[in-house]
PDB file of all heavy atoms in Angstrom:
ATOM      1  N   ARG A   1      31.957  40.861  29.136  1.00  0.00           N
ATOM      2  CA  ARG A   1      31.250  39.597  28.896  1.00  0.00           C
ATOM      3  C   ARG A   1      31.909  38.829  27.761  1.00  0.00           C
ATOM      4  O   ARG A   1      31.965  37.601  27.834  1.00  0.00           O
ATOM      5  CB  ARG A   1      29.784  39.898  28.531  1.00  0.00           C
ATOM      6  CG  ARG A   1      28.947  40.231  29.728  1.00  0.00           C
ATOM      7  CD  ARG A   1      27.461  40.282  29.386  1.00  0.00           C
ATOM      8  NE  ARG A   1      26.973  39.000  28.955  1.00  0.00           N
ATOM      9  CZ  ARG A   1      25.717  38.752  28.647  1.00  0.00           C
ATOM     10  NH1 ARG A   1      24.838  39.711  28.679  1.00  0.00           N
ATOM     11  NH2 ARG A   1      25.335  37.565  28.219  1.00  0.00           N
ATOM     12  N   SER A   2      32.419  39.491  26.725  1.00  0.00           N
ATOM     13  CA  SER A   2      33.030  38.758  25.641  1.00  0.00           C
ATOM     14  C   SER A   2      34.475  38.386  25.921  1.00  0.00           C
ATOM     15  O   SER A   2      34.934  37.281  25.617  1.00  0.00           O
ATOM     16  CB  SER A   2      32.891  39.506  24.305  1.00  0.00           C
ATOM     17  OG  SER A   2      33.297  40.854  24.427  1.00  0.00           O
ATOM     18  N   PHE A   3      35.261  39.313  26.588  1.00  0.00           N
ATOM     19  CA  PHE A   3      36.629  39.023  26.858  1.00  0.00           C
ATOM     20  C   PHE A   3      36.744  37.933  27.952  1.00  0.00           C
ATOM     21  O   PHE A   3      37.380  36.871  27.753  1.00  0.00           O
ATOM     22  CB  PHE A   3      37.378  40.277  27.308  1.00  0.00           C
ATOM     23  CG  PHE A   3      38.878  40.061  27.451  1.00  0.00           C
ATOM     24  CD1 PHE A   3      39.688  40.112  26.322  1.00  0.00           C
ATOM     25  CD2 PHE A   3      39.472  39.823  28.677  1.00  0.00           C
ATOM     26  CE1 PHE A   3      41.060  39.922  26.417  1.00  0.00           C
ATOM     27  CE2 PHE A   3      40.857  39.610  28.769  1.00  0.00           C
ATOM     28  CZ  PHE A   3      41.633  39.663  27.669  1.00  0.00           C
ATOM     29  N   TYR A   4      36.151  38.153  29.095  1.00  0.00           N
ATOM     30  CA  TYR A   4      36.233  37.171  30.172  1.00  0.00           C
ATOM     31  C   TYR A   4      35.268  36.004  29.971  1.00  0.00           C
ATOM     32  O   TYR A   4      35.493  34.917  30.470  1.00  0.00           O
ATOM     33  CB  TYR A   4      36.029  37.847  31.545  1.00  0.00           C
ATOM     34  CG  TYR A   4      37.285  38.524  31.960  1.00  0.00           C
ATOM     35  CD1 TYR A   4      37.518  39.878  31.649  1.00  0.00           C
ATOM     36  CD2 TYR A   4      38.324  37.854  32.598  1.00  0.00           C
ATOM     37  CE1 TYR A   4      38.706  40.527  32.041  1.00  0.00           C
ATOM     38  CE2 TYR A   4      39.503  38.477  32.950  1.00  0.00           C
ATOM     39  CZ  TYR A   4      39.686  39.805  32.649  1.00  0.00           C
ATOM     40  OH  TYR A   4      40.848  40.381  32.975  1.00  0.00           O
ATOM     41  N   GLY A   5      34.233  36.215  29.189  1.00  0.00           N
ATOM     42  CA  GLY A   5      33.415  35.072  28.788  1.00  0.00           C
ATOM     43  C   GLY A   5      34.191  34.074  28.005  1.00  0.00           C
ATOM     44  O   GLY A   5      34.026  32.877  28.149  1.00  0.00           O
ATOM     45  N   GLY A   6      35.132  34.578  27.162  1.00  0.00           N
ATOM     46  CA  GLY A   6      36.000  33.669  26.381  1.00  0.00           C
ATOM     47  C   GLY A   6      37.035  32.964  27.256  1.00  0.00           C
ATOM     48  O   GLY A   6      37.483  31.898  26.897  1.00  0.00           O
ATOM     49  N   ILE A   7      37.383  33.572  28.404  1.00  0.00           N
ATOM     50  CA  ILE A   7      38.330  32.946  29.315  1.00  0.00           C
ATOM     51  C   ILE A   7      37.602  31.923  30.206  1.00  0.00           C
ATOM     52  O   ILE A   7      38.043  30.788  30.379  1.00  0.00           O
ATOM     53  CB  ILE A   7      38.992  34.002  30.162  1.00  0.00           C
ATOM     54  CG1 ILE A   7      39.848  34.936  29.305  1.00  0.00           C
ATOM     55  CG2 ILE A   7      39.874  33.358  31.282  1.00  0.00           C
ATOM     56  CD1 ILE A   7      40.386  36.141  30.007  1.00  0.00           C
ATOM     57  N   PHE A   8      36.464  32.313  30.756  1.00  0.00           N
ATOM     58  CA  PHE A   8      35.738  31.471  31.668  1.00  0.00           C
ATOM     59  C   PHE A   8      34.791  30.477  30.946  1.00  0.00           C
ATOM     60  O   PHE A   8      34.300  29.531  31.513  1.00  0.00           O
ATOM     61  CB  PHE A   8      34.845  32.272  32.633  1.00  0.00           C
ATOM     62  CG  PHE A   8      35.607  33.301  33.437  1.00  0.00           C
ATOM     63  CD1 PHE A   8      34.951  34.458  33.832  1.00  0.00           C
ATOM     64  CD2 PHE A   8      36.890  33.104  33.841  1.00  0.00           C
ATOM     65  CE1 PHE A   8      35.615  35.411  34.655  1.00  0.00           C
ATOM     66  CE2 PHE A   8      37.578  34.029  34.614  1.00  0.00           C
ATOM     67  CZ  PHE A   8      36.910  35.188  35.003  1.00  0.00           C
ATOM     68  N   LEU A   9      34.563  30.712  29.647  1.00  0.00           N
ATOM     69  CA  LEU A   9      33.670  29.945  28.795  1.00  0.00           C
ATOM     70  C   LEU A   9      32.218  30.016  29.317  1.00  0.00           C
ATOM     71  O   LEU A   9      31.461  29.087  29.234  1.00  0.00           O
ATOM     72  CB  LEU A   9      34.130  28.496  28.666  1.00  0.00           C
ATOM     73  CG  LEU A   9      35.524  28.337  28.093  1.00  0.00           C
ATOM     74  CD1 LEU A   9      35.840  26.839  27.905  1.00  0.00           C
ATOM     75  CD2 LEU A   9      35.678  29.061  26.760  1.00  0.00           C
ATOM     76  N   GLU A  10      31.889  31.187  29.885  1.00  0.00           N
ATOM     77  CA  GLU A  10      30.483  31.483  30.223  1.00  0.00           C
ATOM     78  C   GLU A  10      30.386  33.019  30.248  1.00  0.00           C
ATOM     79  O   GLU A  10      31.224  33.685  30.859  1.00  0.00           O
ATOM     80  CB  GLU A  10      30.053  30.832  31.538  1.00  0.00           C
ATOM     81  CG  GLU A  10      30.942  31.163  32.720  1.00  0.00           C
ATOM     82  CD  GLU A  10      30.472  32.408  33.487  1.00  0.00           C
ATOM     83  OE1 GLU A  10      29.362  32.910  33.177  1.00  0.00           O
ATOM     84  OE2 GLU A  10      31.242  32.893  34.342  1.00  0.00           O
ATOM     85  N   ASP A  11      29.388  33.570  29.558  1.00  0.00           N
ATOM     86  CA  ASP A  11      29.307  35.038  29.459  1.00  0.00           C
ATOM     87  C   ASP A  11      28.318  35.678  30.397  1.00  0.00           C
ATOM     88  O   ASP A  11      28.102  36.898  30.321  1.00  0.00           O
ATOM     89  CB  ASP A  11      29.031  35.450  28.000  1.00  0.00           C
ATOM     90  CG  ASP A  11      27.737  34.891  27.488  1.00  0.00           C
ATOM     91  OD1 ASP A  11      26.972  34.233  28.240  1.00  0.00           O
ATOM     92  OD2 ASP A  11      27.424  35.160  26.296  1.00  0.00           O
ATOM     93  N   GLU A  12      27.753  34.929  31.298  1.00  0.00           N
ATOM     94  CA  GLU A  12      26.935  35.555  32.355  1.00  0.00           C
ATOM     95  C   GLU A  12      27.814  36.031  33.495  1.00  0.00           C
ATOM     96  O   GLU A  12      27.350  36.683  34.415  1.00  0.00           O
ATOM     97  CB  GLU A  12      25.898  34.545  32.907  1.00  0.00           C
ATOM     98  CG  GLU A  12      24.859  34.126  31.884  1.00  0.00           C
ATOM     99  CD  GLU A  12      24.053  35.286  31.343  1.00  0.00           C
ATOM    100  OE1 GLU A  12      23.617  36.165  32.162  1.00  0.00           O
ATOM    101  OE2 GLU A  12      23.881  35.390  30.131  1.00  0.00           O
ATOM    102  N   LEU A  13      29.103  35.667  33.428  1.00  0.00           N
ATOM    103  CA  LEU A  13      30.103  36.092  34.443  1.00  0.00           C
ATOM    104  C   LEU A  13      29.690  35.684  35.857  1.00  0.00           C
ATOM    105  O   LEU A  13      29.788  36.433  36.803  1.00  0.00           O
ATOM    106  CB  LEU A  13      30.317  37.612  34.375  1.00  0.00           C
ATOM    107  CG  LEU A  13      30.792  38.124  33.014  1.00  0.00           C
ATOM    108  CD1 LEU A  13      31.011  39.641  33.047  1.00  0.00           C
ATOM    109  CD2 LEU A  13      32.029  37.428  32.491  1.00  0.00           C
ATOM    110  N   THR A  14      29.281  34.388  35.949  1.00  0.00           N
ATOM    111  CA  THR A  14      28.989  33.809  37.261  1.00  0.00           C
ATOM    112  C   THR A  14      30.196  33.189  37.906  1.00  0.00           C
ATOM    113  O   THR A  14      30.110  32.707  39.055  1.00  0.00           O
ATOM    114  CB  THR A  14      27.893  32.706  37.091  1.00  0.00           C
ATOM    115  OG1 THR A  14      28.332  31.705  36.194  1.00  0.00           O
ATOM    116  CG2 THR A  14      26.603  33.341  36.533  1.00  0.00           C
ATOM    117  N   THR A  15      31.332  33.184  37.246  1.00  0.00           N
ATOM    118  CA  THR A  15      32.582  32.657  37.811  1.00  0.00           C
ATOM    119  C   THR A  15      32.993  33.511  39.053  1.00  0.00           C
ATOM    120  O   THR A  15      32.765  34.716  39.096  1.00  0.00           O
ATOM    121  CB  THR A  15      33.680  32.669  36.763  1.00  0.00           C
ATOM    122  OG1 THR A  15      33.294  31.790  35.712  1.00  0.00           O
ATOM    123  CG2 THR A  15      35.041  32.240  37.317  1.00  0.00           C
ATOM    124  N   SER A  16      33.650  32.848  40.012  1.00  0.00           N
ATOM    125  CA  SER A  16      34.068  33.490  41.226  1.00  0.00           C
ATOM    126  C   SER A  16      34.925  34.743  40.960  1.00  0.00           C
ATOM    127  O   SER A  16      35.833  34.727  40.113  1.00  0.00           O
ATOM    128  CB  SER A  16      34.886  32.512  42.095  1.00  0.00           C
ATOM    129  OG  SER A  16      35.556  33.216  43.120  1.00  0.00           O
ATOM    130  N   SER A  17      34.702  35.779  41.725  1.00  0.00           N
ATOM    131  CA  SER A  17      35.491  37.020  41.602  1.00  0.00           C
ATOM    132  C   SER A  17      36.942  36.761  41.963  1.00  0.00           C
ATOM    133  O   SER A  17      37.850  37.501  41.507  1.00  0.00           O
ATOM    134  CB  SER A  17      34.916  38.098  42.498  1.00  0.00           C
ATOM    135  OG  SER A  17      34.824  37.675  43.850  1.00  0.00           O
ATOM    136  N   ARG A  18      37.263  35.757  42.770  1.00  0.00           N
ATOM    137  CA  ARG A  18      38.677  35.451  43.040  1.00  0.00           C
ATOM    138  C   ARG A  18      39.386  35.033  41.773  1.00  0.00           C
ATOM    139  O   ARG A  18      40.535  35.485  41.536  1.00  0.00           O
ATOM    140  CB  ARG A  18      38.764  34.324  44.052  1.00  0.00           C
ATOM    141  CG  ARG A  18      38.265  34.670  45.463  1.00  0.00           C
ATOM    142  CD  ARG A  18      38.370  33.494  46.393  1.00  0.00           C
ATOM    143  NE  ARG A  18      37.844  33.784  47.708  1.00  0.00           N
ATOM    144  CZ  ARG A  18      37.722  32.887  48.715  1.00  0.00           C
ATOM    145  NH1 ARG A  18      38.059  31.649  48.469  1.00  0.00           N
ATOM    146  NH2 ARG A  18      37.234  33.270  49.857  1.00  0.00           N
ATOM    147  N   ILE A  19      38.761  34.245  40.941  1.00  0.00           N
ATOM    148  CA  ILE A  19      39.391  33.820  39.682  1.00  0.00           C
ATOM    149  C   ILE A  19      39.509  35.000  38.739  1.00  0.00           C
ATOM    150  O   ILE A  19      40.512  35.147  38.035  1.00  0.00           O
ATOM    151  CB  ILE A  19      38.609  32.639  39.120  1.00  0.00           C
ATOM    152  CG1 ILE A  19      38.712  31.419  40.021  1.00  0.00           C
ATOM    153  CG2 ILE A  19      39.131  32.323  37.688  1.00  0.00           C
ATOM    154  CD1 ILE A  19      37.985  30.193  39.591  1.00  0.00           C
ATOM    155  N   PHE A  20      38.483  35.879  38.752  1.00  0.00           N
ATOM    156  CA  PHE A  20      38.606  37.079  37.928  1.00  0.00           C
ATOM    157  C   PHE A  20      39.767  37.939  38.387  1.00  0.00           C
ATOM    158  O   PHE A  20      40.599  38.373  37.523  1.00  0.00           O
ATOM    159  CB  PHE A  20      37.304  37.904  38.019  1.00  0.00           C
ATOM    160  CG  PHE A  20      37.455  39.269  37.393  1.00  0.00           C
ATOM    161  CD1 PHE A  20      37.437  39.482  36.029  1.00  0.00           C
ATOM    162  CD2 PHE A  20      37.668  40.401  38.232  1.00  0.00           C
ATOM    163  CE1 PHE A  20      37.616  40.740  35.464  1.00  0.00           C
ATOM    164  CE2 PHE A  20      37.877  41.671  37.672  1.00  0.00           C
ATOM    165  CZ  PHE A  20      37.847  41.850  36.296  1.00  0.00           C
ATOM    166  N   GLU A  21      39.927  38.169  39.686  1.00  0.00           N
ATOM    167  CA  GLU A  21      41.034  38.992  40.178  1.00  0.00           C
ATOM    168  C   GLU A  21      42.382  38.387  39.801  1.00  0.00           C
ATOM    169  O   GLU A  21      43.296  39.073  39.382  1.00  0.00           O
ATOM    170  CB  GLU A  21      40.928  39.168  41.697  1.00  0.00           C
ATOM    171  CG  GLU A  21      39.858  40.157  42.146  1.00  0.00           C
ATOM    172  CD  GLU A  21      40.043  40.588  43.600  1.00  0.00           C
ATOM    173  OE1 GLU A  21      40.633  39.798  44.349  1.00  0.00           O
ATOM    174  OE2 GLU A  21      39.627  41.670  43.955  1.00  0.00           O
ATOM    175  N   PHE A  22      42.474  37.070  39.999  1.00  0.00           N
ATOM    176  CA  PHE A  22      43.731  36.394  39.650  1.00  0.00           C
ATOM    177  C   PHE A  22      44.086  36.536  38.184  1.00  0.00           C
ATOM    178  O   PHE A  22      45.202  36.883  37.792  1.00  0.00           O
ATOM    179  CB  PHE A  22      43.643  34.930  40.053  1.00  0.00           C
ATOM    180  CG  PHE A  22      44.813  34.087  39.577  1.00  0.00           C
ATOM    181  CD1 PHE A  22      46.067  34.225  40.198  1.00  0.00           C
ATOM    182  CD2 PHE A  22      44.674  33.184  38.549  1.00  0.00           C
ATOM    183  CE1 PHE A  22      47.137  33.473  39.721  1.00  0.00           C
ATOM    184  CE2 PHE A  22      45.760  32.447  38.094  1.00  0.00           C
ATOM    185  CZ  PHE A  22      46.986  32.610  38.695  1.00  0.00           C
ATOM    186  N   THR A  23      43.080  36.298  37.334  1.00  0.00           N
ATOM    187  CA  THR A  23      43.296  36.363  35.914  1.00  0.00           C
ATOM    188  C   THR A  23      43.641  37.780  35.465  1.00  0.00           C
ATOM    189  O   THR A  23      44.562  37.989  34.652  1.00  0.00           O
ATOM    190  CB  THR A  23      42.073  35.822  35.149  1.00  0.00           C
ATOM    191  OG1 THR A  23      41.704  34.556  35.599  1.00  0.00           O
ATOM    192  CG2 THR A  23      42.322  35.737  33.667  1.00  0.00           C
ATOM    193  N   PHE A  24      42.906  38.760  35.974  1.00  0.00           N
ATOM    194  CA  PHE A  24      43.184  40.169  35.621  1.00  0.00           C
ATOM    195  C   PHE A  24      44.622  40.524  36.042  1.00  0.00           C
ATOM    196  O   PHE A  24      45.341  41.182  35.284  1.00  0.00           O
ATOM    197  CB  PHE A  24      42.182  41.062  36.323  1.00  0.00           C
ATOM    198  CG  PHE A  24      42.173  42.504  35.841  1.00  0.00           C
ATOM    199  CD1 PHE A  24      41.188  42.925  34.979  1.00  0.00           C
ATOM    200  CD2 PHE A  24      43.174  43.411  36.232  1.00  0.00           C
ATOM    201  CE1 PHE A  24      41.188  44.250  34.494  1.00  0.00           C
ATOM    202  CE2 PHE A  24      43.207  44.715  35.783  1.00  0.00           C
ATOM    203  CZ  PHE A  24      42.217  45.124  34.939  1.00  0.00           C
ATOM    204  N   LYS A  25      45.036  40.094  37.232  1.00  0.00           N
ATOM    205  CA  LYS A  25      46.378  40.395  37.718  1.00  0.00           C
ATOM    206  C   LYS A  25      47.439  39.755  36.786  1.00  0.00           C
ATOM    207  O   LYS A  25      48.453  40.393  36.460  1.00  0.00           O
ATOM    208  CB  LYS A  25      46.540  39.864  39.127  1.00  0.00           C
ATOM    209  CG  LYS A  25      47.915  40.126  39.787  1.00  0.00           C
ATOM    210  CD  LYS A  25      47.970  39.540  41.175  1.00  0.00           C
ATOM    211  CE  LYS A  25      49.345  39.724  41.834  1.00  0.00           C
ATOM    212  NZ  LYS A  25      49.538  41.110  42.310  1.00  0.00           N
ATOM    213  N   MET A  26      47.180  38.526  36.325  1.00  0.00           N
ATOM    214  CA  MET A  26      48.111  37.857  35.452  1.00  0.00           C
ATOM    215  C   MET A  26      48.277  38.603  34.124  1.00  0.00           C
ATOM    216  O   MET A  26      49.360  38.723  33.560  1.00  0.00           O
ATOM    217  CB  MET A  26      47.720  36.408  35.218  1.00  0.00           C
ATOM    218  CG  MET A  26      47.769  35.507  36.432  1.00  0.00           C
ATOM    219  SD  MET A  26      49.419  35.328  37.173  1.00  0.00           S
ATOM    220  CE  MET A  26      49.287  36.536  38.550  1.00  0.00           C
ATOM    221  N   PHE A  27      47.136  39.094  33.585  1.00  0.00           N
ATOM    222  CA  PHE A  27      47.202  39.857  32.317  1.00  0.00           C
ATOM    223  C   PHE A  27      47.933  41.190  32.563  1.00  0.00           C
ATOM    224  O   PHE A  27      48.674  41.598  31.664  1.00  0.00           O
ATOM    225  CB  PHE A  27      45.787  40.159  31.844  1.00  0.00           C
ATOM    226  CG  PHE A  27      45.189  39.075  31.010  1.00  0.00           C
ATOM    227  CD1 PHE A  27      44.161  38.296  31.470  1.00  0.00           C
ATOM    228  CD2 PHE A  27      45.656  38.840  29.711  1.00  0.00           C
ATOM    229  CE1 PHE A  27      43.576  37.286  30.708  1.00  0.00           C
ATOM    230  CE2 PHE A  27      45.108  37.824  28.945  1.00  0.00           C
ATOM    231  CZ  PHE A  27      44.044  37.050  29.434  1.00  0.00           C
ATOM    232  N   ALA A  28      47.802  41.777  33.721  1.00  0.00           N
ATOM    233  CA  ALA A  28      48.455  43.037  33.983  1.00  0.00           C
ATOM    234  C   ALA A  28      49.941  42.859  34.194  1.00  0.00           C
ATOM    235  O   ALA A  28      50.747  43.730  33.813  1.00  0.00           O
ATOM    236  CB  ALA A  28      47.818  43.709  35.229  1.00  0.00           C
TER     237      ALA A  28
END
């Protein structure tokens, strides 16, 4: 919630899982 909340600028994590997967892959 705090790490990806800071990326998406929302901490309920309602952002699409596609964007999460893409961002996680880029960090990896």
